Every structure is written in C-alpha cells, then in structure tokens.
Amino acid sequence: EVQLVESGGGLVQAGGSLRLSCGASGFTFDDYAIGWFRQAPGKEREAVSCISESDGSKSYADSVKGRFTIPSDYVKNMVSLQMNSLKPEDTAVYYCAAVATPFWCGALFDTVFDYWGQGTQVTVSA
C-alpha cells in the first residue's frame, strides 16, 4: 500500500525557515515523482514544487522560486522541501503527492497526482 506522510510544519515568523519532509512507503522514488502542493483557507490548491528521479527534473512555482528548494541529496524514500524567507502568504496546509514515472516536472501544473499525504500546517506570522 502506497502511503505518504508529511512532517515538519509549524509556526514561524516572516523571514524564517522551515523544512518539510515527505516520507514514503510502499514504493520507491525510482518509480514515482514527488510533488509538493499547498492550500490556503478559501483558496484553490496550488502546485509548489516537484522532483523526479526518472529524469532528474525539478520545478518550482514562480511564487516560491529562489526561496524554496528540494534538496537532491535526500535519504531513501524521504523527500524534503526547504522553505526559506517565508512570507505570511505562504501560510497553508502543505501536501506531498506522488505520480508514476517517467514524469517530467515541467508538467507539474497540468498533472493529477496519484497518491497524497494528509498534509502539514505551515503558519507564517507577520
């Protein structure tokens, strides 16, 4: 059974950093690409970032470019999202999701992912 579990959310002041983690079981990252998404209250879900081992691709939403990164040196079956220079508008529930490879992360914003975690809350205070 495929399972994804996010962790690392919390409350941080604007300008601060958080590192989210997505733990996977039931599959390996050779077989699935991982995307990060977020949903703020009253807003639609937004794609944030993606990493795909099948072709080494990564992608980031314009709203987080230069501030968020997915480290490439992740441990087996654990993908992180490093979030720096956080802003109040980054406040949301963050989800990781998986989609079968081969997958090019340039298609992040047009793809329905197969499996989802339960989400972790990130709150950035002004």
C-alpha atoms as a PDB file:
ATOM      1  CA  GLU A   1       0.000   0.000   0.000  1.00  0.00           C
ATOM      2  CA  VAL A   2       1.342   3.394  -1.003  1.00  0.00           C
ATOM      3  CA  GLN A   3       1.497   5.899   1.845  1.00  0.00           C
ATOM      4  CA  LEU A   4       2.861   9.412   2.121  1.00  0.00           C
ATOM      5  CA  VAL A   5       3.345  11.205   5.418  1.00  0.00           C
ATOM      6  CA  GLU A   6       4.319  14.859   5.727  1.00  0.00           C
ATOM      7  CA  SER A   7       6.063  16.346   8.740  1.00  0.00           C
ATOM      8  CA  GLY A   8       7.896  19.485   9.746  1.00  0.00           C
ATOM      9  CA  GLY A   9       5.138  22.058   9.635  1.00  0.00           C
ATOM     10  CA  GLY A  10       4.682  24.652  12.332  1.00  0.00           C
ATOM     11  CA  LEU A  11       4.547  28.316  13.207  1.00  0.00           C
ATOM     12  CA  VAL A  12       7.346  30.602  12.096  1.00  0.00           C
ATOM     13  CA  GLN A  13       7.861  34.335  11.819  1.00  0.00           C
ATOM     14  CA  ALA A  14       8.125  36.028   8.455  1.00  0.00           C
ATOM     15  CA  GLY A  15      11.652  35.706   7.117  1.00  0.00           C
ATOM     16  CA  GLY A  16      12.184  32.424   8.884  1.00  0.00           C
ATOM     17  CA  SER A  17      12.697  28.915   7.551  1.00  0.00           C
ATOM     18  CA  LEU A  18      11.083  25.522   7.792  1.00  0.00           C
ATOM     19  CA  ARG A  19      11.981  22.170   6.329  1.00  0.00           C
ATOM     20  CA  LEU A  20       9.140  19.854   5.429  1.00  0.00           C
ATOM     21  CA  SER A  21       9.653  16.146   4.910  1.00  0.00           C
ATOM     22  CA  CYS A  22       7.644  13.620   2.938  1.00  0.00           C
ATOM     23  CA  GLY A  23       8.115  10.019   3.981  1.00  0.00           C
ATOM     24  CA  ALA A  24       7.040   7.333   1.550  1.00  0.00           C
ATOM     25  CA  SER A  25       6.228   3.671   1.996  1.00  0.00           C
ATOM     26  CA  GLY A  26       5.000   1.085  -0.447  1.00  0.00           C
ATOM     27  CA  PHE A  27       7.058   2.420  -3.342  1.00  0.00           C
ATOM     28  CA  THR A  28      10.449   3.897  -4.175  1.00  0.00           C
ATOM     29  CA  PHE A  29      11.341   7.231  -5.698  1.00  0.00           C
ATOM     30  CA  ASP A  30      12.654   5.385  -8.731  1.00  0.00           C
ATOM     31  CA  ASP A  31       9.040   4.629  -9.610  1.00  0.00           C
ATOM     32  CA  TYR A  32       7.317   7.857  -8.574  1.00  0.00           C
ATOM     33  CA  ALA A  33       7.955  11.559  -8.817  1.00  0.00           C
ATOM     34  CA  ILE A  34       7.090  13.684  -5.801  1.00  0.00           C
ATOM     35  CA  GLY A  35       5.222  16.948  -5.895  1.00  0.00           C
ATOM     36  CA  TRP A  36       4.575  19.474  -3.157  1.00  0.00           C
ATOM     37  CA  PHE A  37       1.282  21.341  -3.093  1.00  0.00           C
ATOM     38  CA  ARG A  38      -0.369  23.766  -0.725  1.00  0.00           C
ATOM     39  CA  GLN A  39      -3.847  25.017   0.025  1.00  0.00           C
ATOM     40  CA  ALA A  40      -4.640  28.141   1.972  1.00  0.00           C
ATOM     41  CA  PRO A  41      -8.063  28.730   3.533  1.00  0.00           C
ATOM     42  CA  GLY A  42     -10.585  29.787   0.919  1.00  0.00           C
ATOM     43  CA  LYS A  43      -8.149  29.242  -1.947  1.00  0.00           C
ATOM     44  CA  GLU A  44      -7.594  26.539  -4.522  1.00  0.00           C
ATOM     45  CA  ARG A  45      -4.820  24.049  -4.132  1.00  0.00           C
ATOM     46  CA  GLU A  46      -1.570  25.297  -5.655  1.00  0.00           C
ATOM     47  CA  ALA A  47       1.363  23.303  -7.023  1.00  0.00           C
ATOM     48  CA  VAL A  48       4.584  24.377  -5.343  1.00  0.00           C
ATOM     49  CA  SER A  49       7.441  22.124  -6.388  1.00  0.00           C
ATOM     50  CA  CYS A  50       8.391  18.782  -7.897  1.00  0.00           C
ATOM     51  CA  ILE A  51      11.290  16.378  -8.140  1.00  0.00           C
ATOM     52  CA  SER A  52      11.555  13.397 -10.457  1.00  0.00           C
ATOM     53  CA  GLU A  53      14.330  10.852 -10.227  1.00  0.00           C
ATOM     54  CA  SER A  54      13.410   9.405 -13.629  1.00  0.00           C
ATOM     55  CA  ASP A  55      14.912  12.365 -15.471  1.00  0.00           C
ATOM     56  CA  GLY A  56      16.429  14.451 -12.690  1.00  0.00           C
ATOM     57  CA  SER A  57      13.959  17.271 -13.295  1.00  0.00           C
ATOM     58  CA  LYS A  58      12.772  19.772 -10.708  1.00  0.00           C
ATOM     59  CA  SER A  59      10.289  22.595 -10.939  1.00  0.00           C
ATOM     60  CA  TYR A  60       9.048  25.428  -8.724  1.00  0.00           C
ATOM     61  CA  ALA A  61       6.084  27.743  -8.790  1.00  0.00           C
ATOM     62  CA  ASP A  62       7.005  31.345  -9.550  1.00  0.00           C
ATOM     63  CA  SER A  63       5.732  32.353  -6.118  1.00  0.00           C
ATOM     64  CA  VAL A  64       8.426  30.282  -4.375  1.00  0.00           C
ATOM     65  CA  LYS A  65      11.350  30.373  -6.798  1.00  0.00           C
ATOM     66  CA  GLY A  66      14.537  31.421  -5.100  1.00  0.00           C
ATOM     67  CA  ARG A  67      13.078  30.703  -1.658  1.00  0.00           C
ATOM     68  CA  PHE A  68      12.059  27.039  -1.701  1.00  0.00           C
ATOM     69  CA  THR A  69      14.269  24.157  -2.767  1.00  0.00           C
ATOM     70  CA  ILE A  70      14.086  20.388  -2.877  1.00  0.00           C
ATOM     71  CA  PRO A  71      17.499  19.070  -1.848  1.00  0.00           C
ATOM     72  CA  SER A  72      18.842  16.446  -4.215  1.00  0.00           C
ATOM     73  CA  ASP A  73      20.727  14.591  -1.524  1.00  0.00           C
ATOM     74  CA  TYR A  74      17.623  13.167   0.105  1.00  0.00           C
ATOM     75  CA  VAL A  75      17.724   9.956   2.048  1.00  0.00           C
ATOM     76  CA  LYS A  76      15.953   6.951   0.648  1.00  0.00           C
ATOM     77  CA  ASN A  77      12.206   7.405   0.498  1.00  0.00           C
ATOM     78  CA  MET A  78      12.246  10.787   2.233  1.00  0.00           C
ATOM     79  CA  VAL A  79      11.925  13.979   0.181  1.00  0.00           C
ATOM     80  CA  SER A  80      12.303  17.373   1.814  1.00  0.00           C
ATOM     81  CA  LEU A  81      11.153  20.860   0.940  1.00  0.00           C
ATOM     82  CA  GLN A  82      13.420  23.554   2.321  1.00  0.00           C
ATOM     83  CA  MET A  83      11.479  26.787   2.726  1.00  0.00           C
ATOM     84  CA  ASN A  84      13.436  29.980   3.362  1.00  0.00           C
ATOM     85  CA  SER A  85      12.453  33.635   3.571  1.00  0.00           C
ATOM     86  CA  LEU A  86       8.916  32.641   4.440  1.00  0.00           C
ATOM     87  CA  LYS A  87       6.115  35.135   3.971  1.00  0.00           C
ATOM     88  CA  PRO A  88       2.662  35.315   5.560  1.00  0.00           C
ATOM     89  CA  GLU A  89       1.194  34.394   2.164  1.00  0.00           C
ATOM     90  CA  ASP A  90       2.991  31.041   2.383  1.00  0.00           C
ATOM     91  CA  THR A  91       0.596  30.071   5.161  1.00  0.00           C
ATOM     92  CA  ALA A  92      -1.243  26.934   4.052  1.00  0.00           C
ATOM     93  CA  VAL A  93      -1.597  23.213   4.512  1.00  0.00           C
ATOM     94  CA  TYR A  94       1.250  21.607   2.574  1.00  0.00           C
ATOM     95  CA  TYR A  95       0.837  18.226   0.926  1.00  0.00           C
ATOM     96  CA  CYS A  96       3.206  15.886  -0.816  1.00  0.00           C
ATOM     97  CA  ALA A  97       1.923  13.700  -3.605  1.00  0.00           C
ATOM     98  CA  ALA A  98       3.261  11.010  -5.917  1.00  0.00           C
ATOM     99  CA  VAL A  99       2.805  10.299  -9.605  1.00  0.00           C
ATOM    100  CA  ALA A 100       4.198   7.342 -11.535  1.00  0.00           C
ATOM    101  CA  THR A 101       7.361   7.816 -13.561  1.00  0.00           C
ATOM    102  CA  PRO A 102       8.549   8.519 -16.137  1.00  0.00           C
ATOM    103  CA  PHE A 103       7.468  12.049 -15.295  1.00  0.00           C
ATOM    104  CA  TRP A 104       8.866  15.397 -16.294  1.00  0.00           C
ATOM    105  CA  CYS A 105       8.414  18.002 -13.572  1.00  0.00           C
ATOM    106  CA  GLY A 106       7.689  20.664 -16.155  1.00  0.00           C
ATOM    107  CA  ALA A 107       4.238  19.089 -16.314  1.00  0.00           C
ATOM    108  CA  LEU A 108       3.672  19.646 -12.581  1.00  0.00           C
ATOM    109  CA  PHE A 109       0.972  22.247 -13.059  1.00  0.00           C
ATOM    110  CA  ASP A 110      -1.069  20.150 -15.510  1.00  0.00           C
ATOM    111  CA  THR A 111      -0.956  16.739 -13.873  1.00  0.00           C
ATOM    112  CA  VAL A 112      -3.254  14.926 -11.478  1.00  0.00           C
ATOM    113  CA  PHE A 113      -1.102  13.108  -8.942  1.00  0.00           C
ATOM    114  CA  ASP A 114      -1.956   9.562  -7.885  1.00  0.00           C
ATOM    115  CA  TYR A 115      -1.297   9.480  -4.138  1.00  0.00           C
ATOM    116  CA  TRP A 116      -1.499  12.130  -1.442  1.00  0.00           C
ATOM    117  CA  GLY A 117      -0.396  12.624   2.127  1.00  0.00           C
ATOM    118  CA  GLN A 118      -2.584  14.030   4.872  1.00  0.00           C
ATOM    119  CA  GLY A 119      -0.907  17.437   4.908  1.00  0.00           C
ATOM    120  CA  THR A 120       1.014  19.505   7.427  1.00  0.00           C
ATOM    121  CA  GLN A 121       0.122  23.030   8.518  1.00  0.00           C
ATOM    122  CA  VAL A 122       2.560  25.874   7.921  1.00  0.00           C
ATOM    123  CA  THR A 123       1.728  29.214   9.504  1.00  0.00           C
ATOM    124  CA  VAL A 124       3.861  32.289   8.912  1.00  0.00           C
ATOM    125  CA  SER A 125       3.217  35.233  11.192  1.00  0.00           C
ATOM    126  CA  ALA A 126       3.844  38.805  10.112  1.00  0.00           C
END
